[in-house]
Amino acid sequence: MAFTLKNSKKKLPMKIAIVGSGYVGLVTGACFSEVGIDVICVDIDRKKIETLNKGIIPIYEPGLEEMINRNTKKGRLVFTTNIAEAVKDCQVLFIAVGTPPDEDGSADLKYVLSVARDCGKNMNDYLLVVTKSTVPVGTSLKVRTALQEELDKRGVDIAFDVASNPEFLKEGAAIDDFLKPDRIVIGLESDRAQELMKSLYKPFTLNGHPVIFMDIISAEMTKYAANSMLAAKISFMNDIANLCEIVGADINLVRKGIGTDSRIGNKFIYPGIGYGGSCFPKDVQALIKTGEEYAYDLRVLKAVEAVNKDQKLVLFNKIRKFFNGNLSGKTVALWGLSFKPQTDDMREAPSLIIVKKLLEAGAKVKAYDPVAIKEAKHHFGETIEYCEDQYETLIDADCLAILTEWPEFKFPNFKIIQKLLNTPAIFDGRNIYDKHEMNELGFKYSCIGVKTNEKAEAKEPADFIMEFIKA
């Protein structure tokens, strides 16, 4: 692929560098190379780069391994630890390194700023530096300052631009999200940078996918606002689900009733056991921290975070109540460990909290996940039993708990489940089964936001639901 600089008829080959070969960096690099752009992916982790050069992908994402191997064979996608050469050999450099949360919830920018300094140390010609990492509002100024300081140390005057191009990738569907995006958000501050980004994204806009240009601060805010809005929808529905259990309403019907309203929509309104992953928890915390830094209290987001924290305890407390508060010696089968289907990501997954509580209560845990077992071993070690398939978890188990809505769990053989479980009890944290069907099959079934006993007990509503929410 080539682009033409303004006021010039000379076409140059499009070469880009992506620093950071984690989830975002790998998906971004693979998808750009898929449309014919030469991509250099850089990472300081030598072992990771060696593994990638052998065709072994360190993360699970449907279709990613095949795409990476296809483009490395064609020479369009290269992996290296040499950031100096990458900077010198590209026109656009994306920063896609991690921004882990500090103890106070703010995003740690040391890796981002380190890349900016490397750019200043090594660039010899105009360079557009684009933050792909999720970064707090105002990071672009810090990136610009760090880069300029290194140029000043060298005593050179080289033009450069800084831009923000936040990612909106859903784990499990990241390739489709990149190749067929809902929108492409780009924050920049010069015509030269806009021309370059237009050329870079042209293959993705030919089918009408919109590019939204704006100032950099607005682009940085857009990323946090989008994730926080989605997190808010999840926590709102979980709050309503808890109320449904109190009053006897069915959250599944309520969801359908509100989801048909075009102003609300039917996405992200499914009740469950709380959101997890690398984005929502971190981004909500970071935006709350940004508000505090500007003396503004983001009250709604604080509530979103509090509801989500409590929701991760609901299923455990349902299980504990079922066994009259005594889980010692009980065996609990878990289906699903990743925070969502189609990924092995367990960062902030509800399973981390639920397994911890079960073990503390004296229960034995047997677990199965289609792809996250290897990742789970990093978190749980040998404290739980890992199974080869979903039915193996049920052998000698006293109940089944569903934590992730993997497709293969949606239509299981219920006769086998009944035969293997000591007690035909299912705790459905994702509402993938129908209560009435489960009752007809003879299961003692509990899910989220649906009252399983037909007659309400003579209790204060707050006491009733707080048994499930509070440990």
Protein backbone atom coordinates (compact mmCIF):
# COMPACT_ATOMS: atom_id res chain seq x y z
CA MET A 1 0.00 0.00 0.00
CA ALA A 2 1.18 3.53 -0.69
CA PHE A 3 0.15 7.07 0.18
CA THR A 4 0.79 10.46 -1.35
CA LEU A 5 1.88 13.36 0.82
CA LYS A 6 0.08 16.65 0.34
CA ASN A 7 1.64 18.90 -2.30
CA SER A 8 3.68 15.97 -3.61
CA LYS A 9 3.15 13.46 -6.39
CA LYS A 10 5.62 11.02 -4.89
CA LYS A 11 4.07 7.84 -3.55
CA LEU A 12 5.68 6.24 -0.56
CA PRO A 13 5.24 2.69 0.74
CA MET A 14 3.07 2.61 3.85
CA LYS A 15 5.05 1.23 6.76
CA ILE A 16 3.87 1.35 10.32
CA ALA A 17 5.23 0.20 13.66
CA ILE A 18 3.20 -1.05 16.60
CA VAL A 19 4.95 -1.04 19.96
CA GLY A 20 3.43 -3.57 22.32
CA SER A 21 2.53 -7.09 21.23
CA GLY A 22 -0.26 -7.77 23.66
CA TYR A 23 -3.92 -8.18 22.78
CA VAL A 24 -4.45 -4.78 21.15
CA GLY A 25 -1.05 -4.68 19.45
CA LEU A 26 -1.36 -8.13 17.90
CA VAL A 27 -4.89 -7.60 16.61
CA THR A 28 -3.99 -4.16 15.23
CA GLY A 29 -0.82 -5.40 13.55
CA ALA A 30 -2.47 -8.48 12.06
CA CYS A 31 -5.44 -6.56 10.66
CA PHE A 32 -3.34 -3.76 9.12
CA SER A 33 -1.07 -6.33 7.48
CA GLU A 34 -4.13 -8.20 6.21
CA VAL A 35 -5.01 -5.22 3.97
CA GLY A 36 -1.48 -4.98 2.56
CA ILE A 37 0.30 -2.60 4.92
CA ASP A 38 3.84 -3.44 6.05
CA VAL A 39 3.79 -3.76 9.83
CA ILE A 40 6.61 -4.04 12.37
CA CYS A 41 5.42 -5.25 15.78
CA VAL A 42 7.80 -4.43 18.62
CA ASP A 43 7.98 -5.76 22.15
CA ILE A 44 10.69 -5.67 24.80
CA ASP A 45 9.80 -9.22 25.87
CA ARG A 46 12.34 -11.23 23.89
CA LYS A 47 10.75 -14.56 24.75
CA LYS A 48 7.37 -13.36 23.46
CA ILE A 49 8.92 -12.18 20.18
CA GLU A 50 10.74 -15.49 19.73
CA THR A 51 7.48 -17.33 20.31
CA LEU A 52 5.62 -15.15 17.81
CA ASN A 53 8.31 -15.68 15.20
CA LYS A 54 7.70 -19.41 15.60
CA GLY A 55 4.02 -18.90 14.83
CA ILE A 56 2.87 -19.44 18.41
CA ILE A 57 0.35 -16.85 19.60
CA PRO A 58 0.36 -16.07 23.34
CA ILE A 59 -3.36 -15.21 23.54
CA TYR A 60 -6.57 -16.82 22.38
CA GLU A 61 -8.64 -14.84 19.89
CA PRO A 62 -10.67 -16.55 17.15
CA GLY A 63 -8.96 -16.25 13.76
CA LEU A 64 -5.94 -14.33 15.03
CA GLU A 65 -3.35 -17.10 14.82
CA GLU A 66 -4.23 -17.90 11.22
CA MET A 67 -4.11 -14.24 10.21
CA ILE A 68 -0.75 -13.63 11.87
CA ASN A 69 0.85 -16.72 10.35
CA ARG A 70 -0.53 -15.88 6.90
CA ASN A 71 0.92 -12.37 6.91
CA THR A 72 4.27 -13.27 8.47
CA LYS A 73 4.79 -15.79 5.66
CA LYS A 74 4.06 -13.06 3.12
CA GLY A 75 6.55 -10.75 4.81
CA ARG A 76 4.01 -8.05 5.66
CA LEU A 77 4.13 -8.67 9.39
CA VAL A 78 7.43 -8.73 11.29
CA PHE A 79 8.14 -9.15 15.01
CA THR A 80 11.21 -7.64 16.65
CA THR A 81 12.65 -6.32 19.90
CA ASN A 82 14.55 -3.57 18.09
CA ILE A 83 12.49 -0.44 18.62
CA ALA A 84 15.25 1.82 17.29
CA GLU A 85 15.09 0.24 13.83
CA ALA A 86 11.31 0.22 13.90
CA VAL A 87 11.15 3.95 14.62
CA LYS A 88 13.56 4.78 11.80
CA ASP A 89 11.70 2.64 9.28
CA CYS A 90 8.10 3.83 9.62
CA GLN A 91 5.84 6.81 9.03
CA VAL A 92 3.27 6.00 11.70
CA LEU A 93 4.00 4.46 15.08
CA PHE A 94 1.22 3.13 17.30
CA ILE A 95 1.72 2.88 21.04
CA ALA A 96 -0.15 -0.22 22.20
CA VAL A 97 1.58 -1.00 25.49
CA GLY A 98 -0.16 -1.71 28.77
CA THR A 99 -1.53 0.97 31.07
CA PRO A 100 -2.03 -1.02 34.29
CA PRO A 101 -3.94 0.62 37.13
CA ASP A 102 -2.00 2.01 40.08
CA GLU A 103 -3.21 1.29 43.60
CA ASP A 104 -5.32 4.48 43.51
CA GLY A 105 -7.06 3.43 40.26
CA SER A 106 -5.18 5.83 37.99
CA ALA A 107 -3.55 4.52 34.81
CA ASP A 108 0.20 3.94 34.94
CA LEU A 109 1.73 5.69 31.92
CA LYS A 110 5.36 4.67 32.39
CA TYR A 111 5.32 2.27 29.43
CA VAL A 112 3.56 4.75 27.17
CA LEU A 113 6.01 7.53 27.99
CA SER A 114 8.95 5.17 27.61
CA VAL A 115 7.89 4.52 24.01
CA ALA A 116 7.54 8.26 23.40
CA ARG A 117 11.09 8.80 24.64
CA ASP A 118 12.37 6.00 22.39
CA CYS A 119 10.76 7.77 19.44
CA GLY A 120 12.54 11.00 20.30
CA LYS A 121 15.85 9.18 20.65
CA ASN A 122 15.69 7.37 17.32
CA MET A 123 13.55 9.22 14.76
CA ASN A 124 15.33 10.88 11.83
CA ASP A 125 12.33 12.06 9.83
CA TYR A 126 8.73 13.14 10.35
CA LEU A 127 6.81 10.68 12.50
CA LEU A 128 3.17 10.43 13.53
CA VAL A 129 2.94 8.90 17.02
CA VAL A 130 -0.51 7.48 17.75
CA THR A 131 -1.69 6.28 21.15
CA LYS A 132 -3.70 3.08 20.72
CA SER A 133 -3.42 2.19 24.38
CA THR A 134 -6.28 3.34 26.56
CA VAL A 135 -4.87 6.43 28.21
CA PRO A 136 -6.31 9.15 30.48
CA VAL A 137 -7.39 12.50 29.15
CA GLY A 138 -4.34 14.70 28.66
CA THR A 139 -1.87 11.89 27.95
CA SER A 140 -1.15 13.24 24.45
CA LEU A 141 0.46 16.32 25.97
CA LYS A 142 2.72 14.13 28.12
CA VAL A 143 3.64 12.04 25.08
CA ARG A 144 4.47 15.16 23.09
CA THR A 145 6.56 16.58 25.94
CA ALA A 146 8.52 13.34 26.47
CA LEU A 147 9.26 13.03 22.76
CA GLN A 148 10.28 16.68 22.37
CA GLU A 149 12.60 16.50 25.37
CA GLU A 150 14.56 13.69 23.72
CA LEU A 151 14.79 15.63 20.45
CA ASP A 152 16.06 18.65 22.39
CA LYS A 153 18.72 16.51 24.08
CA ARG A 154 19.90 15.47 20.63
CA GLY A 155 19.86 19.07 19.43
CA VAL A 156 17.76 18.23 16.37
CA ASP A 157 14.64 19.84 14.95
CA ILE A 158 12.44 17.11 13.47
CA ALA A 159 8.73 17.58 12.88
CA PHE A 160 6.31 15.13 14.43
CA ASP A 161 2.64 14.84 15.33
CA VAL A 162 0.79 13.11 18.12
CA ALA A 163 -2.64 11.53 17.68
CA SER A 164 -5.12 9.38 19.58
CA ASN A 165 -6.81 6.38 17.95
CA PRO A 166 -8.58 4.42 20.72
CA GLU A 167 -9.50 0.80 20.11
CA PHE A 168 -13.04 -0.54 20.47
CA LEU A 169 -12.32 -4.26 20.24
CA LYS A 170 -14.53 -6.88 21.87
CA GLU A 171 -12.55 -9.88 23.04
CA GLY A 172 -13.78 -12.88 21.10
CA ALA A 173 -14.78 -10.73 18.10
CA ALA A 174 -11.77 -8.43 17.77
CA ILE A 175 -10.89 -9.19 14.16
CA ASP A 176 -14.40 -8.44 12.90
CA ASP A 177 -14.47 -5.31 15.06
CA PHE A 178 -11.23 -4.07 13.46
CA LEU A 179 -11.99 -5.01 9.86
CA LYS A 180 -15.65 -3.93 10.04
CA PRO A 181 -15.73 -1.25 12.73
CA ASP A 182 -18.80 0.57 13.99
CA ARG A 183 -16.65 3.69 13.86
CA ILE A 184 -13.03 4.75 13.79
CA VAL A 185 -12.27 7.55 16.23
CA ILE A 186 -9.16 9.62 15.59
CA GLY A 187 -8.01 12.60 17.60
CA LEU A 188 -5.34 14.79 16.00
CA GLU A 189 -4.10 18.32 15.65
CA SER A 190 -2.74 18.83 12.11
CA ASP A 191 -3.81 18.43 8.49
CA ARG A 192 -0.69 16.36 7.83
CA ALA A 193 -1.63 13.84 10.50
CA GLN A 194 -5.22 13.70 9.24
CA GLU A 195 -4.08 13.01 5.68
CA LEU A 196 -1.85 10.20 6.87
CA MET A 197 -4.55 8.59 9.01
CA LYS A 198 -7.09 8.87 6.18
CA SER A 199 -4.74 6.98 3.90
CA LEU A 200 -3.98 4.37 6.53
CA TYR A 201 -7.65 3.61 7.22
CA LYS A 202 -8.88 3.88 3.64
CA PRO A 203 -9.19 0.08 3.19
CA PHE A 204 -11.55 -0.01 6.19
CA THR A 205 -13.74 2.88 5.07
CA LEU A 206 -14.44 1.73 1.50
CA ASN A 207 -17.52 -0.12 2.75
CA GLY A 208 -18.89 2.89 4.57
CA HIS A 209 -17.42 2.43 8.04
CA PRO A 210 -17.24 5.97 9.43
CA VAL A 211 -14.10 7.80 10.51
CA ILE A 212 -14.75 10.44 13.13
CA PHE A 213 -12.02 13.06 13.40
CA MET A 214 -11.88 15.20 16.51
CA ASP A 215 -9.42 16.86 18.86
CA ILE A 216 -7.14 14.56 20.84
CA ILE A 217 -8.64 15.22 24.28
CA SER A 218 -12.11 14.36 23.01
CA ALA A 219 -10.80 11.13 21.46
CA GLU A 220 -9.17 10.13 24.73
CA MET A 221 -12.41 10.85 26.59
CA THR A 222 -14.50 8.95 24.02
CA LYS A 223 -12.77 5.67 24.85
CA TYR A 224 -13.38 5.96 28.59
CA ALA A 225 -16.91 7.26 28.15
CA ALA A 226 -17.84 4.36 25.84
CA ASN A 227 -16.58 1.63 28.16
CA SER A 228 -18.02 3.33 31.22
CA MET A 229 -21.43 3.63 29.56
CA LEU A 230 -21.43 -0.09 28.75
CA ALA A 231 -20.33 -0.93 32.28
CA ALA A 232 -23.13 1.27 33.60
CA LYS A 233 -25.71 -0.65 31.55
CA ILE A 234 -24.45 -3.94 32.98
CA SER A 235 -24.51 -2.75 36.59
CA PHE A 236 -27.93 -1.14 36.12
CA MET A 237 -29.39 -4.41 34.85
CA ASN A 238 -27.81 -6.36 37.68
CA ASP A 239 -29.28 -3.91 40.18
CA ILE A 240 -32.71 -4.29 38.58
CA ALA A 241 -32.26 -8.08 38.54
CA ASN A 242 -31.70 -8.07 42.29
CA LEU A 243 -34.86 -6.04 42.76
CA CYS A 244 -36.75 -8.45 40.51
CA GLU A 245 -35.89 -11.29 42.88
CA ILE A 246 -37.29 -9.27 45.78
CA VAL A 247 -40.62 -8.38 44.17
CA GLY A 248 -41.08 -11.60 42.19
CA ALA A 249 -40.55 -10.19 38.70
CA ASP A 250 -38.62 -12.04 35.97
CA ILE A 251 -35.60 -10.08 34.78
CA ASN A 252 -35.54 -12.05 31.51
CA LEU A 253 -39.00 -10.69 30.64
CA VAL A 254 -38.12 -7.22 31.88
CA ARG A 255 -35.03 -7.26 29.67
CA LYS A 256 -37.12 -8.07 26.61
CA GLY A 257 -39.63 -5.40 27.55
CA ILE A 258 -37.06 -2.61 27.71
CA GLY A 259 -34.71 -3.92 25.02
CA THR A 260 -37.25 -3.33 22.25
CA ASP A 261 -37.11 0.40 23.02
CA SER A 262 -34.77 1.79 20.36
CA ARG A 263 -33.49 4.36 22.85
CA ILE A 264 -32.24 1.56 25.09
CA GLY A 265 -31.46 -1.32 22.71
CA ASN A 266 -30.93 -4.98 23.51
CA LYS A 267 -27.16 -5.03 23.99
CA PHE A 268 -25.42 -5.09 27.37
CA ILE A 269 -28.70 -5.51 29.26
CA TYR A 270 -28.24 -9.17 30.20
CA PRO A 271 -28.08 -9.81 33.96
CA GLY A 272 -25.25 -11.86 35.35
CA ILE A 273 -22.50 -12.07 37.94
CA GLY A 274 -20.69 -8.86 37.10
CA TYR A 275 -18.39 -7.58 34.39
CA GLY A 276 -14.67 -8.33 34.22
CA GLY A 277 -11.88 -8.27 31.66
CA SER A 278 -9.04 -5.89 31.00
CA CYS A 279 -11.13 -2.86 30.02
CA PHE A 280 -14.30 -2.13 31.97
CA PRO A 281 -12.95 -2.39 35.55
CA LYS A 282 -9.74 -0.52 34.74
CA ASP A 283 -11.39 2.17 32.62
CA VAL A 284 -14.17 2.90 35.09
CA GLN A 285 -11.60 3.28 37.86
CA ALA A 286 -9.38 5.48 35.71
CA LEU A 287 -12.24 7.79 34.75
CA ILE A 288 -13.31 8.10 38.38
CA LYS A 289 -9.72 9.04 39.20
CA THR A 290 -9.64 11.61 36.39
CA GLY A 291 -12.74 13.21 37.88
CA GLU A 292 -11.09 13.36 41.30
CA GLU A 293 -8.02 15.01 39.81
CA TYR A 294 -10.28 17.78 38.49
CA ALA A 295 -12.30 17.93 41.74
CA TYR A 296 -15.39 16.37 40.11
CA ASP A 297 -17.19 13.48 41.76
CA LEU A 298 -18.40 10.90 39.19
CA ARG A 299 -21.18 9.58 41.43
CA VAL A 300 -22.84 7.36 38.83
CA LEU A 301 -19.60 5.54 38.01
CA LYS A 302 -18.81 5.00 41.67
CA ALA A 303 -22.19 3.31 42.00
CA VAL A 304 -21.50 1.26 38.86
CA GLU A 305 -18.28 0.00 40.42
CA ALA A 306 -19.90 -0.74 43.80
CA VAL A 307 -22.77 -2.70 42.23
CA ASN A 308 -20.35 -4.74 40.14
CA LYS A 309 -18.21 -5.60 43.16
CA ASP A 310 -21.24 -6.86 45.07
CA GLN A 311 -22.66 -8.75 42.08
CA LYS A 312 -19.63 -11.04 41.95
CA LEU A 313 -20.71 -12.45 45.32
CA VAL A 314 -24.33 -13.21 44.40
CA LEU A 315 -23.84 -16.70 42.98
CA PHE A 316 -21.53 -17.82 45.79
CA ASN A 317 -24.07 -16.72 48.39
CA LYS A 318 -26.86 -18.53 46.57
CA ILE A 319 -24.79 -21.72 46.70
CA ARG A 320 -23.92 -21.20 50.35
CA LYS A 321 -27.56 -20.62 51.30
CA PHE A 322 -28.67 -23.73 49.41
CA PHE A 323 -26.35 -25.79 51.62
CA ASN A 324 -27.59 -24.06 54.78
CA GLY A 325 -24.45 -22.00 55.17
CA ASN A 326 -22.09 -24.98 55.33
CA LEU A 327 -19.95 -25.72 52.27
CA SER A 328 -17.30 -27.70 54.11
CA GLY A 329 -16.68 -30.95 52.27
CA LYS A 330 -18.97 -30.04 49.38
CA THR A 331 -17.77 -30.27 45.78
CA VAL A 332 -18.81 -27.54 43.36
CA ALA A 333 -18.54 -28.04 39.58
CA LEU A 334 -17.81 -24.88 37.62
CA TRP A 335 -18.48 -24.43 33.93
CA GLY A 336 -16.49 -21.48 32.57
CA LEU A 337 -13.65 -19.47 34.09
CA SER A 338 -12.90 -16.70 31.56
CA PHE A 339 -14.69 -13.41 32.06
CA LYS A 340 -16.65 -13.93 28.82
CA PRO A 341 -16.90 -16.50 25.99
CA GLN A 342 -14.42 -16.73 23.09
CA THR A 343 -11.43 -15.60 25.16
CA ASP A 344 -9.00 -17.03 27.70
CA ASP A 345 -8.81 -13.69 29.51
CA MET A 346 -9.41 -14.01 33.25
CA ARG A 347 -8.50 -10.50 34.31
CA GLU A 348 -11.09 -9.32 36.86
CA ALA A 349 -13.23 -12.37 36.01
CA PRO A 350 -16.04 -13.18 38.48
CA SER A 351 -14.59 -16.69 38.71
CA LEU A 352 -11.60 -15.31 40.61
CA ILE A 353 -13.86 -14.10 43.42
CA ILE A 354 -16.20 -17.09 43.37
CA VAL A 355 -13.43 -19.70 43.48
CA LYS A 356 -11.70 -17.83 46.31
CA LYS A 357 -14.90 -17.71 48.37
CA LEU A 358 -15.70 -21.38 47.73
CA LEU A 359 -12.24 -22.49 48.84
CA GLU A 360 -12.35 -20.27 51.91
CA ALA A 361 -15.69 -21.87 52.82
CA GLY A 362 -14.13 -25.34 52.69
CA ALA A 363 -15.54 -26.49 49.36
CA LYS A 364 -13.70 -28.46 46.71
CA VAL A 365 -13.79 -26.99 43.20
CA LYS A 366 -13.74 -28.88 39.88
CA ALA A 367 -13.62 -26.62 36.83
CA TYR A 368 -13.75 -26.74 33.06
CA ASP A 369 -13.28 -23.99 30.49
CA PRO A 370 -12.81 -24.55 26.73
CA VAL A 371 -9.73 -22.32 26.46
CA ALA A 372 -8.89 -20.70 29.82
CA ILE A 373 -7.54 -23.67 31.80
CA LYS A 374 -3.91 -22.74 31.14
CA GLU A 375 -4.58 -19.17 32.25
CA ALA A 376 -6.55 -20.39 35.27
CA LYS A 377 -3.55 -22.35 36.52
CA HIS A 378 -1.64 -19.07 36.83
CA HIS A 379 -4.34 -17.83 39.21
CA PHE A 380 -5.38 -20.94 41.15
CA GLY A 381 -2.37 -23.24 40.88
CA GLU A 382 -3.26 -26.68 42.21
CA THR A 383 -5.93 -25.45 44.64
CA ILE A 384 -8.70 -26.63 42.30
CA GLU A 385 -9.18 -29.63 40.01
CA TYR A 386 -9.07 -28.99 36.26
CA CYS A 387 -11.18 -31.22 34.03
CA GLU A 388 -10.90 -32.25 30.39
CA ASP A 389 -14.58 -31.69 29.58
CA GLN A 390 -17.69 -30.24 31.16
CA TYR A 391 -19.20 -33.53 32.26
CA GLU A 392 -16.07 -34.67 34.09
CA THR A 393 -16.58 -31.79 36.53
CA LEU A 394 -19.91 -33.31 37.61
CA ILE A 395 -18.54 -36.60 38.90
CA ASP A 396 -19.09 -36.64 42.70
CA ALA A 397 -20.06 -32.94 42.60
CA ASP A 398 -22.84 -31.61 44.83
CA CYS A 399 -23.94 -28.85 42.47
CA LEU A 400 -23.13 -27.13 39.19
CA ALA A 401 -22.42 -23.41 38.79
CA ILE A 402 -22.22 -21.75 35.37
CA LEU A 403 -19.90 -18.74 35.29
CA THR A 404 -19.31 -18.20 31.55
CA GLU A 405 -21.91 -18.56 28.77
CA TRP A 406 -19.81 -20.62 26.37
CA PRO A 407 -21.97 -21.92 23.48
CA GLU A 408 -21.29 -25.56 24.35
CA PHE A 409 -22.95 -25.07 27.74
CA LYS A 410 -26.26 -23.88 26.29
CA PHE A 411 -27.62 -27.26 25.15
CA PRO A 412 -26.06 -29.90 27.40
CA ASN A 413 -27.32 -33.40 28.04
CA PHE A 414 -29.42 -32.81 31.14
CA LYS A 415 -29.89 -36.55 31.74
CA ILE A 416 -26.13 -36.93 32.13
CA ILE A 417 -26.04 -33.91 34.45
CA GLN A 418 -28.75 -35.43 36.66
CA LYS A 419 -27.05 -38.82 36.70
CA LEU A 420 -23.63 -37.49 37.67
CA LEU A 421 -24.51 -34.81 40.23
CA ASN A 422 -25.04 -35.89 43.84
CA THR A 423 -27.80 -33.28 44.01
CA PRO A 424 -29.53 -32.01 40.84
CA ALA A 425 -28.79 -28.37 41.68
CA ILE A 426 -27.76 -25.80 39.05
CA PHE A 427 -26.72 -22.23 39.80
CA ASP A 428 -26.85 -20.34 36.53
CA GLY A 429 -24.84 -17.12 36.71
CA ARG A 430 -25.60 -16.25 33.08
CA ASN A 431 -29.30 -17.14 32.78
CA ILE A 432 -28.76 -19.47 29.85
CA TYR A 433 -31.52 -21.90 30.88
CA ASP A 434 -35.25 -21.48 31.42
CA LYS A 435 -36.49 -21.80 34.99
CA HIS A 436 -39.70 -23.63 34.08
CA GLU A 437 -37.91 -26.15 31.87
CA MET A 438 -35.36 -26.80 34.62
CA ASN A 439 -38.13 -27.35 37.17
CA GLU A 440 -39.92 -29.77 34.84
CA LEU A 441 -36.68 -31.72 34.41
CA GLY A 442 -36.41 -32.04 38.16
CA PHE A 443 -33.55 -29.63 38.81
CA LYS A 444 -33.26 -27.30 41.76
CA TYR A 445 -32.45 -24.30 39.65
CA SER A 446 -31.36 -20.80 40.59
CA CYS A 447 -30.36 -17.94 38.28
CA ILE A 448 -30.02 -14.16 38.40
CA GLY A 449 -33.06 -11.92 38.77
CA VAL A 450 -35.69 -14.66 38.80
CA LYS A 451 -37.38 -15.77 42.01
CA THR A 452 -37.17 -19.56 42.11
CA ASN A 453 -39.65 -20.14 44.94
CA GLU A 454 -43.23 -19.32 43.94
CA LYS A 455 -44.26 -17.86 47.32
CA ALA A 456 -42.33 -14.98 48.78
CA GLU A 457 -41.07 -15.61 52.28
CA ALA A 458 -42.21 -13.31 55.07
CA LYS A 459 -38.97 -11.37 55.21
CA GLU A 460 -37.98 -7.80 54.82
CA PRO A 461 -37.04 -7.37 51.12
CA ALA A 462 -33.67 -5.86 51.93
CA ASP A 463 -32.74 -8.82 54.11
CA PHE A 464 -33.89 -11.24 51.41
CA ILE A 465 -31.66 -9.93 48.66
CA MET A 466 -28.70 -8.94 50.82
CA GLU A 467 -28.28 -12.60 51.75
CA PHE A 468 -27.19 -13.10 48.14
CA ILE A 469 -25.18 -9.92 47.74
CA LYS A 470 -23.22 -9.55 50.94
CA ALA A 471 -20.77 -12.15 52.17
